[in-house]
Amino acid sequence: MSDVPKFASEAEEADWLYENREKIENEFVEAIQNGSVRRGILSPQQMRELVSVDVAREDFTKAGELADAAGVERTTFMREIFHLALQKRRVG
């Protein structure tokens, strides 16, 4: 689906997904039927990039609020602040 817009918030994304649910479902069924759907396939590079980090719910919620205010996705925002914190603490 190439016509998915950028969303200013998770609520806006949820609304768009709800409004377009039939189109999304039809495209998904078509992709299953023509064999273009793949499940659970990540490249070795993508697998190296995926990590799980325990974060306090309060921090996770605050990060979501700040991401929404900045107009970016929560994961993008968290990745950026993690990187900035590492740069700040870098020794040498």
Protein backbone atom coordinates (compact mmCIF):
# COMPACT_ATOMS: atom_id res chain seq x y z
CA MET A 1 0.00 0.00 0.00
CA SER A 2 1.93 2.99 -1.25
CA ASP A 3 -0.59 5.74 -0.50
CA VAL A 4 -0.29 5.62 3.30
CA PRO A 5 0.18 9.18 4.57
CA LYS A 6 2.46 10.33 7.40
CA PHE A 7 0.49 10.77 10.60
CA ALA A 8 0.80 13.52 13.21
CA SER A 9 -0.35 11.20 16.00
CA GLU A 10 -1.25 7.62 16.79
CA ALA A 11 -4.91 8.70 17.01
CA GLU A 12 -4.77 10.09 13.47
CA GLU A 13 -3.20 6.85 12.27
CA ALA A 14 -5.88 4.80 14.03
CA ASP A 15 -8.63 6.89 12.41
CA TRP A 16 -7.07 6.46 8.96
CA LEU A 17 -6.70 2.70 9.43
CA TYR A 18 -10.34 2.41 10.51
CA GLU A 19 -11.59 4.49 7.59
CA ASN A 20 -9.51 2.46 5.11
CA ARG A 21 -9.95 -0.99 6.68
CA GLU A 22 -11.84 -2.50 3.73
CA LYS A 23 -9.26 -1.29 1.21
CA ILE A 24 -6.43 -2.60 3.40
CA GLU A 25 -8.16 -5.95 3.82
CA ASN A 26 -8.79 -6.27 0.08
CA GLU A 27 -5.17 -5.47 -0.75
CA PHE A 28 -3.97 -7.95 1.87
CA VAL A 29 -6.19 -10.73 0.52
CA GLU A 30 -5.00 -9.97 -3.00
CA ALA A 31 -1.36 -10.08 -1.86
CA ILE A 32 -1.97 -13.46 -0.20
CA GLN A 33 -3.59 -14.78 -3.36
CA ASN A 34 -0.84 -13.59 -5.69
CA GLY A 35 1.93 -14.76 -3.35
CA SER A 36 3.49 -11.37 -2.64
CA VAL A 37 2.91 -11.54 1.12
CA ARG A 38 5.78 -12.81 3.20
CA ARG A 39 5.65 -13.49 6.89
CA GLY A 40 8.42 -13.18 9.45
CA ILE A 41 11.24 -12.60 6.99
CA LEU A 42 13.93 -10.18 8.14
CA SER A 43 17.33 -9.68 6.66
CA PRO A 44 20.35 -10.37 8.90
CA GLN A 45 20.91 -6.58 9.04
CA GLN A 46 17.36 -5.98 10.25
CA MET A 47 17.69 -8.74 12.85
CA ARG A 48 20.82 -7.10 14.26
CA GLU A 49 18.97 -3.80 14.56
CA LEU A 50 16.00 -5.12 16.53
CA VAL A 51 16.36 -4.99 20.31
CA SER A 52 14.04 -4.99 23.27
CA VAL A 53 14.48 -2.58 26.16
CA ASP A 54 12.47 -2.49 29.37
CA VAL A 55 11.17 1.04 29.90
CA ALA A 56 9.05 2.29 32.78
CA ARG A 57 5.46 2.83 31.61
CA GLU A 58 5.62 6.44 32.79
CA ASP A 59 8.70 7.07 30.60
CA PHE A 60 7.10 5.27 27.66
CA THR A 61 3.95 7.38 27.99
CA LYS A 62 5.94 10.61 28.26
CA ALA A 63 8.00 9.66 25.19
CA GLY A 64 4.75 9.12 23.27
CA GLU A 65 3.45 12.53 24.31
CA LEU A 66 6.71 14.22 23.30
CA ALA A 67 6.79 12.31 19.99
CA ASP A 68 3.23 13.42 19.21
CA ALA A 69 4.14 17.02 20.05
CA ALA A 70 7.16 16.77 17.74
CA GLY A 71 5.08 15.17 14.98
CA VAL A 72 7.17 12.00 14.76
CA GLU A 73 6.51 8.34 15.47
CA ARG A 74 7.23 7.15 19.00
CA THR A 75 9.89 4.65 17.94
CA THR A 76 11.67 7.27 15.84
CA PHE A 77 11.59 9.69 18.76
CA MET A 78 12.88 7.10 21.23
CA ARG A 79 15.66 6.04 18.87
CA GLU A 80 16.72 9.67 18.51
CA ILE A 81 16.77 10.47 22.23
CA PHE A 82 18.65 7.23 22.93
CA HIS A 83 21.27 8.19 20.34
CA LEU A 84 21.56 11.73 21.74
CA ALA A 85 21.98 10.40 25.29
CA LEU A 86 24.77 8.09 24.12
CA GLN A 87 26.52 10.94 22.33
CA LYS A 88 26.29 13.10 25.44
CA ARG A 89 27.80 10.36 27.62
CA ARG A 90 30.46 9.28 25.14
CA VAL A 91 33.92 9.29 26.70
CA GLY A 92 37.00 10.24 24.73
